[in-house]
Amino acid sequence: MSEMRMTRAGLLMLLTLLVASALSVVGPASSANAASGRVWDRLAQCESGGRWHINTGNGYYGGLQFSGSTWRGYGGGKFARFAHRATKGEQIRVAERVQNSQGWRAWPACSDRIGLR
């Protein structure tokens, strides 16, 4: 009987360790978002001096310097007419869609400058 308990206890311990290992590999979802946020901050620093609400009149808007057509084409219009009127988080959400579609080449000079390509 005690051998059976040891086997069950051992199995339970093994399962616990496997679950803990899997969770440590996956990690919390927020850590990926935090790293992503730092990347977007660095890119915005290069693109616009980190000014998320910038409109210089050059046809590009917001911290990540979206053209109006890119902003609307990737769903930004649901947040604001132009990127500079959207929040930082909304701009990042649209930027993630752009990046998933076009890669870092959507921001060619700055993505090269900060080592994203």
Protein backbone atom coordinates (compact mmCIF):
# COMPACT_ATOMS: atom_id res chain seq x y z
CA MET A 1 0.00 0.00 0.00
CA SER A 2 2.77 2.47 0.84
CA GLU A 3 4.38 1.71 -2.52
CA MET A 4 1.15 2.72 -4.21
CA ARG A 5 1.06 6.02 -2.30
CA MET A 6 4.63 6.74 -3.25
CA THR A 7 3.78 6.16 -6.88
CA ARG A 8 0.80 8.49 -6.71
CA ALA A 9 2.80 11.07 -4.78
CA GLY A 10 5.63 10.77 -7.29
CA LEU A 11 3.21 11.14 -10.18
CA LEU A 12 1.61 14.17 -8.57
CA MET A 13 5.04 15.72 -8.00
CA LEU A 14 6.02 15.03 -11.61
CA LEU A 15 2.83 16.62 -12.94
CA THR A 16 3.33 19.64 -10.70
CA LEU A 17 6.88 20.10 -11.98
CA LEU A 18 5.78 19.73 -15.61
CA VAL A 19 3.07 22.36 -15.23
CA ALA A 20 5.45 24.73 -13.43
CA SER A 21 8.05 24.25 -16.16
CA ALA A 22 5.51 24.92 -18.90
CA LEU A 23 4.34 28.09 -17.18
CA SER A 24 7.87 29.37 -16.75
CA VAL A 25 8.56 28.89 -20.47
CA VAL A 26 5.35 30.60 -21.54
CA GLY A 27 5.57 33.31 -18.88
CA PRO A 28 2.92 35.89 -18.10
CA ALA A 29 1.24 37.59 -21.05
CA SER A 30 2.01 41.05 -19.70
CA SER A 31 5.78 40.58 -19.94
CA ALA A 32 5.54 40.19 -23.72
CA ASN A 33 3.42 43.33 -23.90
CA ALA A 34 5.88 45.24 -21.72
CA ALA A 35 8.79 44.32 -24.00
CA SER A 36 6.69 45.24 -26.99
CA GLY A 37 5.89 48.57 -25.37
CA ARG A 38 9.59 49.32 -24.95
CA VAL A 39 10.20 48.57 -28.63
CA TRP A 40 7.37 50.89 -29.69
CA ASP A 41 8.70 53.61 -27.38
CA ARG A 42 12.15 53.31 -28.97
CA LEU A 43 10.66 53.42 -32.45
CA ALA A 44 8.52 56.46 -31.57
CA GLN A 45 11.58 58.18 -30.10
CA CYS A 46 13.29 57.80 -33.45
CA GLU A 47 10.24 58.62 -35.61
CA SER A 48 8.83 61.58 -33.68
CA GLY A 49 11.07 62.32 -30.73
CA GLY A 50 8.67 60.22 -28.64
CA ARG A 51 5.81 62.68 -29.15
CA TRP A 52 2.72 60.52 -29.54
CA HIS A 53 0.42 63.47 -30.36
CA ILE A 54 2.61 65.14 -32.98
CA ASN A 55 1.24 66.65 -36.21
CA THR A 56 3.93 68.61 -38.02
CA GLY A 57 1.93 69.01 -41.23
CA ASN A 58 4.17 66.65 -43.21
CA GLY A 59 1.38 64.12 -43.88
CA TYR A 60 2.48 61.74 -41.12
CA TYR A 61 0.86 61.66 -37.71
CA GLY A 62 1.44 60.46 -34.18
CA GLY A 63 4.36 58.88 -32.43
CA LEU A 64 4.92 56.28 -35.12
CA GLN A 65 4.31 58.68 -38.02
CA PHE A 66 1.38 56.98 -39.75
CA SER A 67 0.18 58.25 -43.10
CA GLY A 68 -3.55 58.83 -43.13
CA SER A 69 -4.12 55.93 -45.52
CA THR A 70 -2.10 53.48 -43.43
CA TRP A 71 -3.85 54.62 -40.26
CA ARG A 72 -7.29 54.07 -41.79
CA GLY A 73 -6.29 50.93 -43.69
CA TYR A 74 -5.24 49.15 -40.51
CA GLY A 75 -8.27 50.13 -38.46
CA GLY A 76 -7.07 53.32 -36.81
CA GLY A 77 -10.18 55.17 -37.92
CA LYS A 78 -12.17 53.43 -35.22
CA PHE A 79 -10.01 55.24 -32.65
CA ALA A 80 -9.54 58.66 -34.23
CA ARG A 81 -9.51 60.30 -37.66
CA PHE A 82 -5.72 60.71 -37.52
CA ALA A 83 -3.11 58.92 -35.41
CA HIS A 84 -2.02 62.00 -33.47
CA ARG A 85 -5.51 62.22 -31.97
CA ALA A 86 -5.42 58.63 -30.70
CA THR A 87 -3.87 57.45 -27.46
CA LYS A 88 -0.44 55.87 -27.36
CA GLY A 89 -2.05 52.47 -26.75
CA GLU A 90 -4.36 52.85 -29.73
CA GLN A 91 -1.44 53.85 -31.93
CA ILE A 92 0.47 50.78 -30.78
CA ARG A 93 -2.51 48.51 -31.51
CA VAL A 94 -2.63 49.80 -35.08
CA ALA A 95 1.17 49.59 -35.37
CA GLU A 96 1.06 45.93 -34.35
CA ARG A 97 -1.34 45.25 -37.23
CA VAL A 98 0.93 47.12 -39.63
CA GLN A 99 3.98 45.27 -38.35
CA ASN A 100 2.24 41.89 -38.67
CA SER A 101 1.43 42.70 -42.29
CA GLN A 102 4.48 44.63 -43.50
CA GLY A 103 7.15 43.81 -40.97
CA TRP A 104 9.55 46.43 -39.64
CA ARG A 105 10.05 47.74 -43.20
CA ALA A 106 6.96 49.89 -42.57
CA TRP A 107 9.39 52.11 -40.61
CA PRO A 108 12.52 51.60 -42.75
CA ALA A 109 14.99 54.18 -41.47
CA CYS A 110 14.20 53.98 -37.78
CA SER A 111 13.80 50.20 -37.66
CA ASP A 112 17.30 49.93 -39.15
CA ARG A 113 18.66 52.60 -36.82
CA ILE A 114 17.44 50.85 -33.67
CA GLY A 115 18.25 47.35 -34.91
CA LEU A 116 14.82 45.88 -35.59
CA ARG A 117 15.56 44.50 -39.07
